[in-house]
Amino acid sequence: MMEEELVPLALEGDENAYRELFERNFSRMFRVALGYVGASHDEAKDICQGAFIKAFDRLDTLDDPCKFRSWLTSVVSHL
């Protein structure tokens, strides 16, 4: 299932869709966070966790589900 299909399901409360979005994107977002904090794996993990919480809380503000990954990347970079 594509991310643009998972986002609407997550918005409907589908926990599996949330889990799938998280699992598909965590390692990439972790690498993005590491780029900002250097070798601090704990800090990068904290940033990622915060970013996912923030993104999932605000998922309804995402205009285009096809852009989930780039939107999530911007959340990570702002944290």
N, C-alpha and C. Protein backbone atom coordinates (compact mmCIF):
# COMPACT_ATOMS: atom_id res chain seq x y z
N MET A 1 0.85 -1.18 0.00
CA MET A 1 0.00 0.00 0.00
C MET A 1 0.89 1.24 0.00
N MET A 2 0.52 2.21 -0.79
CA MET A 2 1.29 3.44 -0.92
C MET A 2 0.99 4.39 0.23
N GLU A 3 1.94 5.30 0.51
CA GLU A 3 1.75 6.26 1.60
C GLU A 3 0.51 7.12 1.40
N GLU A 4 0.22 7.47 0.15
CA GLU A 4 -0.97 8.30 -0.09
C GLU A 4 -2.26 7.55 0.24
N GLU A 5 -2.17 6.22 0.32
CA GLU A 5 -3.32 5.42 0.75
C GLU A 5 -3.33 5.24 2.27
N LEU A 6 -2.15 5.23 2.87
CA LEU A 6 -2.04 5.03 4.31
C LEU A 6 -2.47 6.27 5.10
N VAL A 7 -2.16 7.45 4.58
CA VAL A 7 -2.49 8.69 5.30
C VAL A 7 -3.99 8.80 5.57
N PRO A 8 -4.86 8.63 4.58
CA PRO A 8 -6.30 8.72 4.89
C PRO A 8 -6.75 7.65 5.89
N LEU A 9 -6.17 6.47 5.80
CA LEU A 9 -6.53 5.42 6.76
C LEU A 9 -6.10 5.81 8.18
N ALA A 10 -4.93 6.40 8.28
CA ALA A 10 -4.47 6.86 9.60
C ALA A 10 -5.40 7.95 10.13
N LEU A 11 -5.82 8.83 9.26
CA LEU A 11 -6.74 9.90 9.68
C LEU A 11 -8.07 9.34 10.17
N GLU A 12 -8.42 8.16 9.70
CA GLU A 12 -9.65 7.50 10.15
C GLU A 12 -9.42 6.72 11.45
N GLY A 13 -8.17 6.72 11.94
CA GLY A 13 -7.86 6.05 13.19
C GLY A 13 -7.28 4.66 13.06
N ASP A 14 -6.90 4.27 11.87
CA ASP A 14 -6.34 2.94 11.63
C ASP A 14 -4.92 2.86 12.21
N GLU A 15 -4.77 2.14 13.31
CA GLU A 15 -3.47 2.03 13.98
C GLU A 15 -2.43 1.33 13.11
N ASN A 16 -2.85 0.40 12.29
CA ASN A 16 -1.91 -0.28 11.39
C ASN A 16 -1.34 0.69 10.36
N ALA A 17 -2.15 1.64 9.91
CA ALA A 17 -1.67 2.64 8.96
C ALA A 17 -0.63 3.54 9.62
N TYR A 18 -0.89 3.96 10.86
CA TYR A 18 0.11 4.75 11.60
C TYR A 18 1.41 3.96 11.74
N ARG A 19 1.28 2.71 12.14
CA ARG A 19 2.46 1.86 12.33
C ARG A 19 3.25 1.72 11.03
N GLU A 20 2.54 1.49 9.95
CA GLU A 20 3.21 1.34 8.66
C GLU A 20 3.92 2.62 8.24
N LEU A 21 3.28 3.76 8.44
CA LEU A 21 3.92 5.05 8.11
C LEU A 21 5.18 5.24 8.95
N PHE A 22 5.10 4.88 10.21
CA PHE A 22 6.26 5.00 11.10
C PHE A 22 7.38 4.07 10.64
N GLU A 23 7.06 2.80 10.44
CA GLU A 23 8.09 1.81 10.08
C GLU A 23 8.75 2.12 8.75
N ARG A 24 7.99 2.62 7.81
CA ARG A 24 8.55 2.94 6.50
C ARG A 24 9.48 4.14 6.53
N ASN A 25 9.27 5.03 7.48
CA ASN A 25 9.98 6.30 7.44
C ASN A 25 10.97 6.53 8.58
N PHE A 26 10.95 5.71 9.62
CA PHE A 26 11.79 6.01 10.77
C PHE A 26 13.27 6.06 10.42
N SER A 27 13.79 5.06 9.74
CA SER A 27 15.24 5.02 9.48
C SER A 27 15.69 6.21 8.63
N ARG A 28 14.89 6.60 7.67
CA ARG A 28 15.23 7.75 6.83
C ARG A 28 15.21 9.03 7.68
N MET A 29 14.19 9.18 8.52
CA MET A 29 14.09 10.38 9.36
C MET A 29 15.21 10.39 10.40
N PHE A 30 15.60 9.21 10.88
CA PHE A 30 16.72 9.11 11.81
C PHE A 30 18.00 9.62 11.16
N ARG A 31 18.22 9.25 9.91
CA ARG A 31 19.42 9.72 9.19
C ARG A 31 19.37 11.23 8.98
N VAL A 32 18.19 11.76 8.70
CA VAL A 32 18.03 13.21 8.56
C VAL A 32 18.39 13.90 9.87
N ALA A 33 17.85 13.38 10.97
CA ALA A 33 18.12 13.96 12.29
C ALA A 33 19.61 13.88 12.62
N LEU A 34 20.23 12.75 12.30
CA LEU A 34 21.68 12.61 12.55
C LEU A 34 22.46 13.67 11.79
N GLY A 35 21.99 14.03 10.62
CA GLY A 35 22.65 15.07 9.85
C GLY A 35 22.66 16.41 10.58
N TYR A 36 21.69 16.63 11.42
CA TYR A 36 21.60 17.87 12.17
C TYR A 36 22.36 17.82 13.50
N VAL A 37 22.38 16.66 14.15
CA VAL A 37 22.97 16.57 15.49
C VAL A 37 24.30 15.84 15.51
N GLY A 38 24.78 15.38 14.40
CA GLY A 38 26.05 14.68 14.37
C GLY A 38 25.91 13.25 14.88
N ALA A 39 26.85 12.83 15.68
CA ALA A 39 26.91 11.43 16.10
C ALA A 39 26.03 11.10 17.30
N SER A 40 25.22 12.03 17.75
CA SER A 40 24.39 11.79 18.93
C SER A 40 23.15 10.98 18.55
N HIS A 41 23.28 9.67 18.65
CA HIS A 41 22.17 8.78 18.27
C HIS A 41 20.96 8.97 19.18
N ASP A 42 21.20 9.19 20.46
CA ASP A 42 20.08 9.38 21.39
C ASP A 42 19.30 10.64 21.04
N GLU A 43 20.02 11.71 20.75
CA GLU A 43 19.35 12.96 20.40
C GLU A 43 18.59 12.82 19.07
N ALA A 44 19.18 12.14 18.11
CA ALA A 44 18.52 11.91 16.82
C ALA A 44 17.25 11.09 17.02
N LYS A 45 17.32 10.08 17.88
CA LYS A 45 16.14 9.25 18.16
C LYS A 45 15.05 10.09 18.82
N ASP A 46 15.43 10.95 19.77
CA ASP A 46 14.46 11.82 20.43
C ASP A 46 13.79 12.78 19.44
N ILE A 47 14.58 13.31 18.52
CA ILE A 47 14.04 14.20 17.50
C ILE A 47 13.03 13.45 16.63
N CYS A 48 13.38 12.26 16.23
CA CYS A 48 12.48 11.46 15.39
C CYS A 48 11.18 11.14 16.12
N GLN A 49 11.28 10.73 17.34
CA GLN A 49 10.08 10.41 18.11
C GLN A 49 9.19 11.64 18.23
N GLY A 50 9.80 12.78 18.54
CA GLY A 50 9.04 14.02 18.63
C GLY A 50 8.41 14.41 17.32
N ALA A 51 9.15 14.19 16.24
CA ALA A 51 8.64 14.54 14.91
C ALA A 51 7.44 13.69 14.54
N PHE A 52 7.51 12.40 14.82
CA PHE A 52 6.37 11.53 14.51
C PHE A 52 5.15 11.89 15.35
N ILE A 53 5.37 12.18 16.62
CA ILE A 53 4.24 12.58 17.46
C ILE A 53 3.60 13.85 16.92
N LYS A 54 4.43 14.83 16.62
CA LYS A 54 3.93 16.10 16.09
C LYS A 54 3.22 15.89 14.74
N ALA A 55 3.84 15.12 13.87
CA ALA A 55 3.26 14.89 12.54
C ALA A 55 1.93 14.15 12.64
N PHE A 56 1.88 13.12 13.45
CA PHE A 56 0.63 12.37 13.57
C PHE A 56 -0.46 13.19 14.23
N ASP A 57 -0.08 14.07 15.17
CA ASP A 57 -1.07 14.97 15.78
C ASP A 57 -1.63 15.96 14.78
N ARG A 58 -0.82 16.31 13.79
CA ARG A 58 -1.21 17.33 12.81
C ARG A 58 -1.43 16.76 11.41
N LEU A 59 -1.61 15.47 11.33
CA LEU A 59 -1.76 14.81 10.04
C LEU A 59 -2.90 15.41 9.21
N ASP A 60 -3.92 15.90 9.89
CA ASP A 60 -5.05 16.49 9.17
C ASP A 60 -4.71 17.79 8.46
N THR A 61 -3.53 18.36 8.73
CA THR A 61 -3.12 19.59 8.06
C THR A 61 -2.34 19.32 6.77
N LEU A 62 -2.02 18.05 6.53
CA LEU A 62 -1.29 17.68 5.31
C LEU A 62 -2.23 17.77 4.12
N ASP A 63 -1.93 18.67 3.21
CA ASP A 63 -2.80 18.91 2.06
C ASP A 63 -2.77 17.78 1.03
N ASP A 64 -1.60 17.20 0.83
CA ASP A 64 -1.44 16.18 -0.21
C ASP A 64 -0.77 14.95 0.38
N PRO A 65 -1.52 13.87 0.59
CA PRO A 65 -0.93 12.66 1.17
C PRO A 65 0.28 12.12 0.40
N CYS A 66 0.40 12.44 -0.86
CA CYS A 66 1.56 12.00 -1.65
C CYS A 66 2.85 12.66 -1.15
N LYS A 67 2.72 13.74 -0.43
CA LYS A 67 3.89 14.49 0.05
C LYS A 67 4.21 14.18 1.51
N PHE A 68 3.69 13.09 2.03
CA PHE A 68 3.90 12.77 3.45
C PHE A 68 5.37 12.76 3.82
N ARG A 69 6.19 12.08 3.06
CA ARG A 69 7.61 11.93 3.42
C ARG A 69 8.33 13.28 3.44
N SER A 70 8.11 14.11 2.45
CA SER A 70 8.78 15.41 2.44
C SER A 70 8.25 16.30 3.56
N TRP A 71 6.95 16.19 3.85
CA TRP A 71 6.35 16.94 4.94
C TRP A 71 6.95 16.50 6.28
N LEU A 72 7.09 15.21 6.46
CA LEU A 72 7.68 14.67 7.68
C LEU A 72 9.13 15.10 7.81
N THR A 73 9.86 15.12 6.72
CA THR A 73 11.24 15.58 6.73
C THR A 73 11.33 17.02 7.22
N SER A 74 10.39 17.85 6.80
CA SER A 74 10.40 19.25 7.25
C SER A 74 10.10 19.34 8.75
N VAL A 75 9.26 18.46 9.24
CA VAL A 75 8.98 18.43 10.69
C VAL A 75 10.26 18.08 11.45
N VAL A 76 10.98 17.07 10.96
CA VAL A 76 12.24 16.68 11.60
C VAL A 76 13.22 17.85 11.57
N SER A 77 13.35 18.51 10.45
CA SER A 77 14.33 19.59 10.33
C SER A 77 13.99 20.78 11.22
N HIS A 78 12.71 21.00 11.48
CA HIS A 78 12.33 22.11 12.36
C HIS A 78 12.56 21.80 13.84
N LEU A 79 12.59 20.52 14.17
CA LEU A 79 12.85 20.14 15.55
C LEU A 79 14.34 20.15 15.83
